[in-house]
Amino acid sequence: MTAAPLPPLQQIPATIASLSDYEPYARARMTPPAWAYFSAGAADEVSLAANLRSYEAYGLWPAALASMRDAGTSVELLGHTYDYPILLAPVAYQRMAHPQGELATVLGAGAMKAGCIISMQASCRIEDIAGAAHAPLWLQWYWHPDRAFMNELLARARASGYQAIVFTVDAPVNGLRNQEQRAGFSLPPGIEAVNLRGSHQAGAVMGPAGSSPLFGSGLLDHAPGWDDLRWLVQNAGLPVLVKGIMRPHDARAAQECGAAGIIVSNHGGRTLDGAPAPLQVLKSVVQAVDVPVLMDGGIRRGTDVLKALALGARAVLIGRPYIYGLAAAGAAGVAHVLHLLRAELEVAMALTGCPSLASIHEGILFRPGREP
């Protein structure tokens, strides 16, 4: 018999010194199916591993006697100035990680003044989440075949003060999540995508993949296309960023459709196994467009953040690390994860001679055989 998950920590142990230290605490506080849902990748998890390893391809050049006077990490995104370039990525069903779910997440994010992207499949109402927030919120979006329902949900987002829509385009179907299958994952009683109540949710988003043939099943009949992105841009009433872009020509097409920003992402290695790591394609996407480019995938250290910024990202998103903080210690864990990562970024900037985000450039990256 599997032991019951432990309750959240009341005090964060001093032994938690980095993001990875949260993982064993989080695992002990989740059921095995929930752990598989949040931690696993698709199929053989090649892309999941690649996301983590991609940062090893770059070292960092130490700088000598660089002035760090008036150093700072502020960044402007969609008209709002953030204290540092780290946002929380959308993650669904967070009440599986902690009883308060997304409410605790935005409380922790607000304590650290960090932006947060709320999943369309959140386990708490978007109005309640907005009421608990003390920092800007964006709403992640999957395509839905019922445009009347989409208009209603968009209106709810605007009325609640959400500042942008993040359209996820890399998951017209779920990836082959074998670890979830082996763990027997299903949503536990009382947890659902509450903001989709009353809708006829497309099975392509919700259903398991690989259990039966996909083609001819009808699951792809409502998969979104470029015209749907144009519709969303025209009807959202908010800036629309496109998440899940990996190829330069797709980035250009999204910008031509009116996207206000691009998020380079392979869905945390949870959809197409074998997809390259976002860091590997980031520079080519940045060079293809004139809108801000953000990136997520595999960030575990402040040096990882710095490398992404050096390759052109305006800001980065983290997913699993803050979920582990949430599972371990609730809002305090989320805030601590952000604190650790921001502190590490500042140390890395100081040691590479970068007093501001604007001063970060590709020349700080070390690659064998290339002079600085």
Protein backbone atom coordinates (compact mmCIF):
# COMPACT_ATOMS: atom_id res chain seq x y z
CA MET A 1 0.00 0.00 0.00
CA THR A 2 1.30 3.45 -0.90
CA ALA A 3 1.72 5.79 2.06
CA ALA A 4 -0.51 8.86 2.15
CA PRO A 5 1.16 12.08 0.96
CA LEU A 6 2.65 14.24 3.70
CA PRO A 7 1.07 17.61 4.59
CA PRO A 8 2.75 20.80 3.33
CA LEU A 9 5.75 22.03 5.25
CA GLN A 10 5.04 24.69 7.87
CA GLN A 11 8.60 25.96 7.70
CA ILE A 12 11.06 25.73 4.83
CA PRO A 13 14.15 23.71 5.91
CA ALA A 14 17.53 25.41 5.72
CA THR A 15 18.72 22.47 3.64
CA ILE A 16 16.66 23.74 0.68
CA ALA A 17 19.38 25.79 -1.01
CA SER A 18 18.43 25.42 -4.67
CA LEU A 19 15.38 24.61 -6.77
CA SER A 20 16.27 20.94 -7.11
CA ASP A 21 16.17 20.53 -3.33
CA TYR A 22 12.40 20.93 -3.42
CA GLU A 23 11.81 17.83 -5.54
CA PRO A 24 11.97 15.12 -2.83
CA TYR A 25 9.77 17.18 -0.52
CA ALA A 26 7.25 17.68 -3.32
CA ARG A 27 7.20 14.03 -4.31
CA ALA A 28 6.51 12.99 -0.72
CA ARG A 29 3.50 15.31 -0.68
CA MET A 30 1.89 14.11 -3.92
CA THR A 31 0.15 10.91 -4.87
CA PRO A 32 2.13 8.83 -7.40
CA PRO A 33 -0.33 9.70 -10.21
CA ALA A 34 -0.10 13.43 -9.42
CA TRP A 35 3.70 13.22 -9.34
CA ALA A 36 3.66 11.54 -12.75
CA TYR A 37 1.37 14.25 -14.12
CA PHE A 38 3.54 17.15 -12.99
CA SER A 39 7.03 15.69 -13.35
CA ALA A 40 6.98 13.36 -16.36
CA GLY A 41 7.51 14.09 -20.03
CA ALA A 42 6.26 12.46 -23.19
CA ALA A 43 7.21 8.94 -24.32
CA ASP A 44 10.90 8.24 -23.58
CA GLU A 45 11.38 11.75 -22.18
CA VAL A 46 14.14 12.59 -24.64
CA SER A 47 12.97 16.19 -24.96
CA LEU A 48 12.48 16.53 -21.22
CA ALA A 49 16.11 15.53 -20.67
CA ALA A 50 17.29 17.72 -23.56
CA ASN A 51 15.65 20.76 -22.00
CA LEU A 52 17.78 20.32 -18.89
CA ARG A 53 21.00 19.46 -20.74
CA SER A 54 20.78 22.28 -23.28
CA TYR A 55 22.25 24.81 -20.87
CA GLU A 56 25.41 22.72 -20.53
CA ALA A 57 26.36 23.64 -24.10
CA TYR A 58 27.23 27.14 -22.89
CA GLY A 59 29.61 28.32 -20.23
CA LEU A 60 29.88 31.88 -18.95
CA TRP A 61 32.86 34.21 -19.23
CA PRO A 62 33.83 35.76 -15.86
CA ALA A 63 34.37 39.52 -16.04
CA ALA A 64 37.09 41.41 -14.19
CA LEU A 65 36.64 44.85 -12.59
CA ALA A 66 33.28 45.52 -14.20
CA SER A 67 31.25 48.38 -12.76
CA MET A 68 27.99 47.23 -11.20
CA ARG A 69 26.85 50.62 -10.01
CA ASP A 70 23.05 51.05 -10.09
CA ALA A 71 22.62 47.41 -11.10
CA GLY A 72 19.09 46.12 -11.63
CA THR A 73 17.00 43.44 -13.28
CA SER A 74 13.82 45.26 -14.29
CA VAL A 75 12.14 44.45 -17.60
CA GLU A 76 9.17 45.89 -19.47
CA LEU A 77 6.59 43.51 -20.93
CA LEU A 78 3.35 44.63 -22.59
CA GLY A 79 3.48 48.01 -20.88
CA HIS A 80 4.20 46.72 -17.36
CA THR A 81 7.58 46.89 -15.66
CA TYR A 82 8.54 43.76 -13.73
CA ASP A 83 11.28 43.71 -11.11
CA TYR A 84 12.98 40.75 -12.78
CA PRO A 85 12.51 38.65 -15.95
CA ILE A 86 11.07 35.46 -14.42
CA LEU A 87 7.37 34.57 -14.76
CA LEU A 88 5.38 31.52 -13.72
CA ALA A 89 4.29 29.34 -16.63
CA PRO A 90 0.76 27.95 -16.94
CA VAL A 91 0.27 24.62 -15.17
CA ALA A 92 -3.13 22.94 -14.95
CA TYR A 93 -4.93 21.38 -11.96
CA GLN A 94 -2.68 22.81 -9.26
CA ARG A 95 -4.98 21.63 -6.46
CA MET A 96 -3.44 18.20 -7.09
CA ALA A 97 -0.19 19.69 -5.74
CA HIS A 98 -1.64 21.73 -2.87
CA PRO A 99 -5.17 22.13 -1.45
CA GLN A 100 -5.24 25.85 -2.31
CA GLY A 101 -3.84 25.28 -5.79
CA GLU A 102 -3.60 28.37 -7.96
CA LEU A 103 -4.72 30.62 -5.08
CA ALA A 104 -1.54 29.77 -3.18
CA THR A 105 0.55 30.13 -6.33
CA VAL A 106 -0.55 33.69 -7.05
CA LEU A 107 -0.15 34.59 -3.38
CA GLY A 108 3.47 33.44 -3.52
CA ALA A 109 4.04 35.12 -6.87
CA GLY A 110 2.55 38.35 -5.58
CA ALA A 111 4.85 38.33 -2.56
CA MET A 112 7.76 38.31 -5.01
CA LYS A 113 6.06 40.69 -7.51
CA ALA A 114 6.30 38.06 -10.24
CA GLY A 115 3.95 37.76 -13.18
CA CYS A 116 1.92 34.57 -13.44
CA ILE A 117 0.19 32.84 -16.35
CA ILE A 118 -2.95 30.99 -15.27
CA SER A 119 -3.90 27.81 -17.09
CA MET A 120 -7.23 27.64 -18.90
CA GLN A 121 -7.47 24.29 -17.08
CA ALA A 122 -6.95 25.82 -13.66
CA SER A 123 -8.61 24.06 -10.74
CA CYS A 124 -9.81 27.39 -9.28
CA ARG A 125 -12.06 30.03 -10.86
CA ILE A 126 -10.19 32.74 -12.73
CA GLU A 127 -12.12 35.38 -10.75
CA ASP A 128 -11.01 33.89 -7.43
CA ILE A 129 -7.43 33.65 -8.64
CA ALA A 130 -7.46 37.30 -9.72
CA GLY A 131 -8.88 38.27 -6.33
CA ALA A 132 -5.91 36.62 -4.58
CA ALA A 133 -3.27 38.08 -6.90
CA HIS A 134 -0.97 41.02 -6.18
CA ALA A 135 0.94 40.99 -9.47
CA PRO A 136 -0.11 40.93 -13.15
CA LEU A 137 -1.89 37.85 -14.46
CA TRP A 138 -2.07 36.50 -18.01
CA LEU A 139 -4.51 33.75 -19.01
CA GLN A 140 -3.31 30.75 -20.97
CA TRP A 141 -5.61 29.63 -23.76
CA TYR A 142 -6.38 26.44 -25.64
CA TRP A 143 -8.54 26.61 -28.73
CA HIS A 144 -12.17 25.69 -28.17
CA PRO A 145 -14.65 24.87 -30.94
CA ASP A 146 -17.44 26.93 -29.33
CA ARG A 147 -16.71 30.57 -30.11
CA ALA A 148 -19.63 31.78 -28.01
CA PHE A 149 -18.07 30.04 -25.01
CA MET A 150 -14.67 31.52 -25.84
CA ASN A 151 -16.13 35.01 -26.01
CA GLU A 152 -17.75 34.48 -22.62
CA LEU A 153 -14.51 33.31 -21.03
CA LEU A 154 -12.58 36.18 -22.64
CA ALA A 155 -15.08 38.62 -21.18
CA ARG A 156 -14.61 37.05 -17.74
CA ALA A 157 -10.84 37.42 -18.09
CA ARG A 158 -11.08 41.08 -19.05
CA ALA A 159 -13.53 41.81 -16.24
CA SER A 160 -11.18 40.12 -13.74
CA GLY A 161 -8.20 42.23 -14.80
CA TYR A 162 -6.12 39.72 -16.74
CA GLN A 163 -3.64 41.61 -18.90
CA ALA A 164 -2.92 39.21 -21.77
CA ILE A 165 -3.94 35.94 -23.40
CA VAL A 166 -1.30 33.24 -23.96
CA PHE A 167 -2.44 31.00 -26.81
CA THR A 168 -0.84 27.55 -26.54
CA VAL A 169 -0.43 26.11 -30.03
CA ASP A 170 1.83 23.08 -29.55
CA ALA A 171 -0.74 20.67 -28.11
CA PRO A 172 -3.63 20.02 -30.51
CA VAL A 173 -3.50 16.60 -28.85
CA ASN A 174 -1.81 15.45 -25.68
CA GLY A 175 1.61 13.87 -25.96
CA LEU A 176 2.21 10.18 -25.28
CA ARG A 177 2.63 10.46 -21.53
CA ASN A 178 3.60 6.92 -20.71
CA GLN A 179 4.58 7.69 -17.13
CA GLU A 180 1.04 8.93 -16.47
CA GLN A 181 -0.35 5.77 -18.03
CA ARG A 182 1.85 3.55 -15.88
CA ALA A 183 0.81 5.47 -12.76
CA GLY A 184 -2.87 5.14 -13.66
CA PHE A 185 -3.38 8.89 -13.74
CA SER A 186 -6.86 10.36 -13.71
CA LEU A 187 -8.17 13.53 -12.13
CA PRO A 188 -9.04 12.87 -8.47
CA PRO A 189 -12.57 13.55 -7.23
CA GLY A 190 -13.28 17.23 -6.71
CA ILE A 191 -10.60 18.50 -9.09
CA GLU A 192 -11.58 19.69 -12.55
CA ALA A 193 -11.05 22.47 -15.06
CA VAL A 194 -13.65 24.62 -13.32
CA ASN A 195 -13.48 27.46 -15.85
CA LEU A 196 -14.61 25.07 -18.60
CA ARG A 197 -17.83 24.07 -16.85
CA GLY A 198 -20.79 24.18 -19.21
CA SER A 199 -18.61 23.88 -22.31
CA HIS A 200 -18.21 21.03 -24.73
CA GLN A 201 -14.48 20.79 -24.25
CA ALA A 202 -12.61 19.43 -27.23
CA GLY A 203 -11.40 15.91 -26.47
CA ALA A 204 -8.16 16.74 -28.30
CA VAL A 205 -7.09 18.82 -25.33
CA MET A 206 -8.33 16.61 -22.54
CA GLY A 207 -8.18 13.05 -23.75
CA PRO A 208 -5.31 10.58 -23.46
CA ALA A 209 -3.14 10.07 -26.50
CA GLY A 210 -1.98 6.83 -28.02
CA SER A 211 -4.72 4.59 -26.63
CA SER A 212 -6.48 4.44 -30.00
CA PRO A 213 -5.87 5.64 -33.57
CA LEU A 214 -6.00 9.42 -33.87
CA PHE A 215 -6.65 9.94 -37.57
CA GLY A 216 -10.28 9.43 -38.44
CA SER A 217 -11.36 9.83 -34.82
CA GLY A 218 -12.54 13.42 -35.21
CA LEU A 219 -10.24 14.67 -32.45
CA LEU A 220 -8.34 16.87 -34.90
CA ASP A 221 -11.41 18.32 -36.60
CA HIS A 222 -11.27 21.42 -34.40
CA ALA A 223 -7.49 21.81 -34.17
CA PRO A 224 -6.69 25.52 -34.56
CA GLY A 225 -5.11 27.12 -37.62
CA TRP A 226 -3.72 30.53 -38.48
CA ASP A 227 -7.20 31.94 -39.16
CA ASP A 228 -8.17 30.98 -35.62
CA LEU A 229 -5.19 32.90 -34.25
CA ARG A 230 -6.33 35.93 -36.24
CA TRP A 231 -9.83 35.54 -34.78
CA LEU A 232 -8.43 35.38 -31.25
CA VAL A 233 -6.25 38.45 -31.80
CA GLN A 234 -9.26 40.37 -33.12
CA ASN A 235 -11.68 39.26 -30.40
CA ALA A 236 -9.60 38.87 -27.24
CA GLY A 237 -9.64 42.54 -26.31
CA LEU A 238 -6.20 41.88 -24.79
CA PRO A 239 -2.70 41.35 -26.22
CA VAL A 240 -2.22 37.78 -27.44
CA LEU A 241 1.08 35.96 -27.07
CA VAL A 242 1.62 32.65 -28.86
CA LYS A 243 3.22 29.87 -26.79
CA GLY A 244 4.75 26.76 -28.29
CA ILE A 245 6.56 28.33 -31.25
CA MET A 246 9.85 26.63 -32.14
CA ARG A 247 10.47 27.48 -35.81
CA PRO A 248 11.36 30.94 -37.17
CA HIS A 249 8.80 30.84 -39.99
CA ASP A 250 6.05 29.98 -37.49
CA ALA A 251 7.15 32.93 -35.37
CA ARG A 252 6.95 35.24 -38.38
CA ALA A 253 3.50 33.90 -39.27
CA ALA A 254 2.30 34.48 -35.70
CA GLN A 255 3.57 38.05 -35.77
CA GLU A 256 1.83 38.63 -39.11
CA CYS A 257 -1.42 37.42 -37.48
CA GLY A 258 -1.04 40.12 -34.83
CA ALA A 259 0.67 38.28 -31.98
CA ALA A 260 2.05 40.68 -29.37
CA GLY A 261 4.74 38.23 -28.32
CA ILE A 262 6.19 34.77 -28.85
CA ILE A 263 6.98 32.15 -26.20
CA VAL A 264 9.52 29.58 -27.39
CA SER A 265 8.53 26.31 -25.75
CA ASN A 266 8.24 22.57 -26.34
CA HIS A 267 5.57 22.25 -23.64
CA GLY A 268 8.11 21.13 -21.07
CA GLY A 269 8.88 18.04 -23.14
CA ARG A 270 5.29 16.86 -22.60
CA THR A 271 4.03 16.73 -26.20
CA LEU A 272 6.36 15.79 -29.08
CA ASP A 273 9.22 13.69 -27.76
CA GLY A 274 12.29 14.37 -29.86
CA ALA A 275 11.56 18.06 -30.27
CA PRO A 276 14.66 20.20 -29.73
CA ALA A 277 15.17 22.12 -26.53
CA PRO A 278 13.83 25.69 -26.64
CA LEU A 279 17.27 27.09 -25.82
CA GLN A 280 18.64 25.46 -28.96
CA VAL A 281 16.24 27.35 -31.26
CA LEU A 282 15.77 30.54 -29.25
CA LYS A 283 18.25 32.73 -31.15
CA SER A 284 16.79 31.87 -34.56
CA VAL A 285 13.28 32.75 -33.40
CA VAL A 286 14.43 36.03 -31.83
CA GLN A 287 16.07 37.01 -35.11
CA ALA A 288 12.89 36.26 -37.08
CA VAL A 289 10.50 38.68 -35.34
CA ASP A 290 10.20 42.19 -33.94
CA VAL A 291 7.94 41.34 -30.98
CA PRO A 292 9.18 40.27 -27.52
CA VAL A 293 10.30 36.65 -27.31
CA LEU A 294 10.06 34.75 -24.04
CA MET A 295 11.23 31.19 -23.40
CA ASP A 296 10.52 28.28 -21.09
CA GLY A 297 11.98 24.82 -20.72
CA GLY A 298 14.44 23.28 -18.27
CA ILE A 299 15.40 26.35 -16.23
CA ARG A 300 16.69 25.30 -12.82
CA ARG A 301 19.40 27.90 -12.07
CA GLY A 302 19.93 31.62 -12.35
CA THR A 303 22.75 30.89 -14.78
CA ASP A 304 20.17 29.17 -17.01
CA VAL A 305 18.11 32.37 -16.98
CA LEU A 306 21.18 34.41 -17.88
CA LYS A 307 22.01 32.14 -20.82
CA ALA A 308 18.50 32.46 -22.20
CA LEU A 309 18.65 36.24 -21.88
CA ALA A 310 22.04 36.26 -23.60
CA LEU A 311 20.48 34.44 -26.57
CA GLY A 312 17.77 37.05 -26.88
CA ALA A 313 14.90 36.12 -24.56
CA ARG A 314 13.16 39.13 -23.04
CA ALA A 315 12.10 37.00 -20.07
CA VAL A 316 11.75 33.36 -19.06
CA LEU A 317 9.04 31.15 -17.60
CA ILE A 318 9.40 28.36 -15.05
CA GLY A 319 6.93 25.53 -14.53
CA ARG A 320 7.85 22.40 -12.59
CA PRO A 321 10.14 24.18 -10.07
CA TYR A 322 7.39 26.37 -8.65
CA ILE A 323 4.92 23.47 -8.64
CA TYR A 324 7.40 21.55 -6.48
CA GLY A 325 7.66 24.58 -4.19
CA LEU A 326 3.88 24.76 -4.07
CA ALA A 327 3.51 21.07 -3.20
CA ALA A 328 6.18 21.26 -0.52
CA ALA A 329 5.26 24.49 1.23
CA GLY A 330 2.35 26.25 -0.44
CA ALA A 331 2.59 29.97 -1.17
CA ALA A 332 5.82 30.25 0.83
CA GLY A 333 7.41 27.58 -1.34
CA VAL A 334 6.43 29.39 -4.55
CA ALA A 335 7.86 32.65 -3.22
CA HIS A 336 11.05 30.93 -2.10
CA VAL A 337 11.60 29.32 -5.50
CA LEU A 338 11.32 32.74 -7.13
CA HIS A 339 13.61 34.28 -4.51
CA LEU A 340 16.29 31.63 -5.07
CA LEU A 341 16.19 31.98 -8.83
CA ARG A 342 16.27 35.78 -8.77
CA ALA A 343 19.18 35.78 -6.31
CA GLU A 344 21.12 33.34 -8.49
CA LEU A 345 20.48 35.49 -11.57
CA GLU A 346 21.84 38.57 -9.82
CA VAL A 347 24.98 36.72 -8.74
CA ALA A 348 25.51 35.44 -12.29
CA MET A 349 25.03 38.93 -13.73
CA ALA A 350 27.50 40.42 -11.25
CA LEU A 351 30.15 37.80 -12.02
CA THR A 352 29.79 38.25 -15.79
CA GLY A 353 29.84 42.05 -15.57
CA CYS A 354 26.23 42.70 -16.57
CA PRO A 355 24.65 45.45 -14.43
CA SER A 356 21.34 45.41 -16.33
CA LEU A 357 19.33 43.21 -18.62
CA ALA A 358 20.17 45.55 -21.50
CA SER A 359 23.88 44.89 -20.93
CA ILE A 360 23.49 41.10 -21.29
CA HIS A 361 24.75 39.91 -24.68
CA GLU A 362 25.79 36.73 -26.45
CA GLY A 363 29.46 37.54 -25.91
CA ILE A 364 29.24 36.47 -22.26
CA LEU A 365 28.60 32.88 -23.37
CA PHE A 366 31.63 30.59 -23.50
CA ARG A 367 31.89 27.86 -26.12
CA PRO A 368 35.14 25.92 -26.57
CA GLY A 369 37.22 27.28 -29.42
CA ARG A 370 35.56 30.69 -29.45
CA GLU A 371 37.23 33.72 -27.96
CA PRO A 372 35.19 36.27 -25.98
